[in-house]
Amino acid sequence: MSNGATVEPVIEVHGLWTVFGEYVVHRDLELTVMPGEIVSLVGGSGSGKTTLMRQILGLENPHRGSIKVFGIPLQGSHPALLKKIRRRWGVLFQEGALYSALPVFENIALPLRELRAFDEGFIHDMVMLKLDMVDIERRHAWKMPSDLSGGMIKRIALARALVLEPELLFLDEPTAGLDPDRSESFVRLIQSLQAKLGFTVIMVTHDLDTLVSLSDRVAVLAEQKILFYGSLAEVVAVGHPFVKNFFLGERGLRALAAAPEQMYVPAQTVIRNSSGG
């Protein structure tokens, strides 16, 4: 930074423990996400990827440890302050999570209406702008979710996630349920919007093509913590069994072959969170 300004993390997770009864999901977990990054969370079944995302969203509380988003602690802050920072992020849920009783227009308009700060003209213009942004024709605005294809549901859910023009976007398995062509098209849309708008992304995905196409950094959840955290090239170079199985099987090698420019980045030090706490 030529002006000497310090860039603050968007997300800071320190010393996080998640415990259900006697079962420890996360043990002394650390994660830092910087502005404008696309960070993917990967891990085996039961590794706590979705639980970690829910905690960063403030939907669940950790057993101990701290989570800050935009520099604000999620634990112990005034509810009014937490409500304010939640307006600065958007969430795309795995199945879209559109309200089945509301048409497309009202699904997208809902976050705007909840603020009770905008007139109908502004809401209409914003909804139509977001439909344009995700390449959905305006004539579909009054269709019901039951009349939409899976690809349209994903795009409309993305429009709703972006309607408040967030600085941070959470993606939970964004391409799950899409065929390869629609998945590729949706990934290109996210890439284009992120490049244009500059928002930070934290994504849970098991889809290797999506991960390879979108990720700036990959956080590998294993052994109850983020064991490895770095660029795709750095993480793939690690000899851990999960990394080998996930990235270097037949599907993984196919996906990696589609992004050779990422694979030949000179390797740097991969963060290894090896302290047991």
Foldseek 3Di string as FASTA:
>chain_A
DVVPDDFAFQKWWFQFWADDPPDTLAGGATDTHTFLFEEEEDEDPSNCPVVVVCVLLVNDPTPDTWMDGPNHTSPPDDPVVSVVVNLQFFEQDQQLPFDQVAALLCSLLVVVVVVVPDDPVVSVVLSCVLCVLLVHDPVRRGPGPVPDDSLVSLSSSVSSRCSSPHQEYEYEQSCPPPDPVSSVVVLVSVVVCCVVSRHYYYYYHLQLLSCLSRHQKYFYRDPNYRAWIGFPLQQCPDPDPVSCVSQVDPNNVVSCVVPVVSNPDPHDDIDGPPDRD
